Amino acid sequence: MPTTKTRINITADKDIERSLVAAAKRDGVPTASKAAELLRLALELEEDLALSAIADERLTGKKIKWLSHKQVWK
């Protein structure tokens, strides 16, 4: 039965393969499912880092105007 998921091919070092297989075995899931889960987590971390950099830039900007709670809700 064909899958509706996109297939990708990656090349991994033996160390990465061993770690991935061990993690999949530990969690009782297929290796491909574990790889997909770890990729999803890595992408979430990348997004968090990018958004954090934007937030830091906004906080340290020179033209910041702070508003009180009352000013915001007028």
C-alpha atoms as a PDB file:
ATOM      1  CA  MET A   1       0.000   0.000   0.000  1.00  0.00           C
ATOM      2  CA  PRO A   2       1.589   3.318  -1.026  1.00  0.00           C
ATOM      3  CA  THR A   3       2.106   6.028   1.546  1.00  0.00           C
ATOM      4  CA  THR A   4       0.841   9.601   1.322  1.00  0.00           C
ATOM      5  CA  LYS A   5       3.912  10.887   3.139  1.00  0.00           C
ATOM      6  CA  THR A   6       6.821  12.437   1.274  1.00  0.00           C
ATOM      7  CA  ARG A   7       9.888  10.237   1.152  1.00  0.00           C
ATOM      8  CA  ILE A   8      13.353  11.698   1.533  1.00  0.00           C
ATOM      9  CA  ASN A   9      16.755  10.051   1.309  1.00  0.00           C
ATOM     10  CA  ILE A  10      19.553  11.004   3.661  1.00  0.00           C
ATOM     11  CA  THR A  11      23.095   9.806   4.111  1.00  0.00           C
ATOM     12  CA  ALA A  12      24.132   9.315   7.730  1.00  0.00           C
ATOM     13  CA  ASP A  13      27.358   8.297   9.430  1.00  0.00           C
ATOM     14  CA  LYS A  14      27.478   4.913  11.155  1.00  0.00           C
ATOM     15  CA  ASP A  15      27.393   6.627  14.566  1.00  0.00           C
ATOM     16  CA  ILE A  16      24.179   8.437  13.692  1.00  0.00           C
ATOM     17  CA  GLU A  17      22.646   5.273  12.296  1.00  0.00           C
ATOM     18  CA  ARG A  18      23.502   3.314  15.442  1.00  0.00           C
ATOM     19  CA  SER A  19      22.056   6.026  17.671  1.00  0.00           C
ATOM     20  CA  LEU A  20      18.901   6.275  15.574  1.00  0.00           C
ATOM     21  CA  VAL A  21      18.367   2.512  15.541  1.00  0.00           C
ATOM     22  CA  ALA A  22      18.965   2.314  19.303  1.00  0.00           C
ATOM     23  CA  ALA A  23      16.501   5.140  20.011  1.00  0.00           C
ATOM     24  CA  ALA A  24      13.883   3.548  17.758  1.00  0.00           C
ATOM     25  CA  LYS A  25      14.350   0.163  19.431  1.00  0.00           C
ATOM     26  CA  ARG A  26      14.167   1.735  22.893  1.00  0.00           C
ATOM     27  CA  ASP A  27      10.884   3.476  22.012  1.00  0.00           C
ATOM     28  CA  GLY A  28       9.458   0.505  20.121  1.00  0.00           C
ATOM     29  CA  VAL A  29       8.935   2.403  16.869  1.00  0.00           C
ATOM     30  CA  PRO A  30      10.261   1.962  13.336  1.00  0.00           C
ATOM     31  CA  THR A  31      13.559   3.659  12.568  1.00  0.00           C
ATOM     32  CA  ALA A  32      11.918   5.857   9.914  1.00  0.00           C
ATOM     33  CA  SER A  33       9.304   7.047  12.419  1.00  0.00           C
ATOM     34  CA  LYS A  34      12.008   7.899  14.945  1.00  0.00           C
ATOM     35  CA  ALA A  35      13.967   9.781  12.281  1.00  0.00           C
ATOM     36  CA  ALA A  36      10.853  11.768  11.333  1.00  0.00           C
ATOM     37  CA  GLU A  37      10.172  12.586  14.995  1.00  0.00           C
ATOM     38  CA  LEU A  38      13.745  13.771  15.554  1.00  0.00           C
ATOM     39  CA  LEU A  39      13.674  15.874  12.374  1.00  0.00           C
ATOM     40  CA  ARG A  40      10.424  17.479  13.533  1.00  0.00           C
ATOM     41  CA  LEU A  41      11.993  18.320  16.905  1.00  0.00           C
ATOM     42  CA  ALA A  42      15.102  19.740  15.241  1.00  0.00           C
ATOM     43  CA  LEU A  43      12.982  21.958  12.986  1.00  0.00           C
ATOM     44  CA  GLU A  44      11.022  23.227  16.003  1.00  0.00           C
ATOM     45  CA  LEU A  45      14.302  24.105  17.726  1.00  0.00           C
ATOM     46  CA  GLU A  46      15.506  25.941  14.608  1.00  0.00           C
ATOM     47  CA  GLU A  47      12.257  27.916  14.533  1.00  0.00           C
ATOM     48  CA  ASP A  48      12.562  28.743  18.239  1.00  0.00           C
ATOM     49  CA  LEU A  49      16.107  30.030  17.716  1.00  0.00           C
ATOM     50  CA  ALA A  50      15.036  32.226  14.804  1.00  0.00           C
ATOM     51  CA  LEU A  51      12.069  33.674  16.694  1.00  0.00           C
ATOM     52  CA  SER A  52      14.223  34.221  19.779  1.00  0.00           C
ATOM     53  CA  ALA A  53      16.721  36.194  17.699  1.00  0.00           C
ATOM     54  CA  ILE A  54      13.897  38.386  16.381  1.00  0.00           C
ATOM     55  CA  ALA A  55      12.577  38.950  19.908  1.00  0.00           C
ATOM     56  CA  ASP A  56      16.054  39.815  21.213  1.00  0.00           C
ATOM     57  CA  GLU A  57      16.527  42.305  18.389  1.00  0.00           C
ATOM     58  CA  ARG A  58      13.213  43.962  19.217  1.00  0.00           C
ATOM     59  CA  LEU A  59      14.091  44.213  22.906  1.00  0.00           C
ATOM     60  CA  THR A  60      17.470  45.818  22.281  1.00  0.00           C
ATOM     61  CA  GLY A  61      16.363  48.179  19.513  1.00  0.00           C
ATOM     62  CA  LYS A  62      17.005  51.896  19.943  1.00  0.00           C
ATOM     63  CA  LYS A  63      13.484  53.025  19.042  1.00  0.00           C
ATOM     64  CA  ILE A  64      11.546  51.075  21.648  1.00  0.00           C
ATOM     65  CA  LYS A  65       8.525  52.788  23.136  1.00  0.00           C
ATOM     66  CA  TRP A  66       7.184  50.974  26.156  1.00  0.00           C
ATOM     67  CA  LEU A  67       3.456  51.240  26.860  1.00  0.00           C
ATOM     68  CA  SER A  68       1.672  50.648  30.127  1.00  0.00           C
ATOM     69  CA  HIS A  69      -1.174  48.174  30.394  1.00  0.00           C
ATOM     70  CA  LYS A  70      -3.690  51.036  30.477  1.00  0.00           C
ATOM     71  CA  GLN A  71      -2.197  52.654  27.369  1.00  0.00           C
ATOM     72  CA  VAL A  72      -2.435  49.438  25.419  1.00  0.00           C
ATOM     73  CA  TRP A  73      -6.097  48.870  26.254  1.00  0.00           C
ATOM     74  CA  LYS A  74      -7.341  52.436  25.601  1.00  0.00           C
END
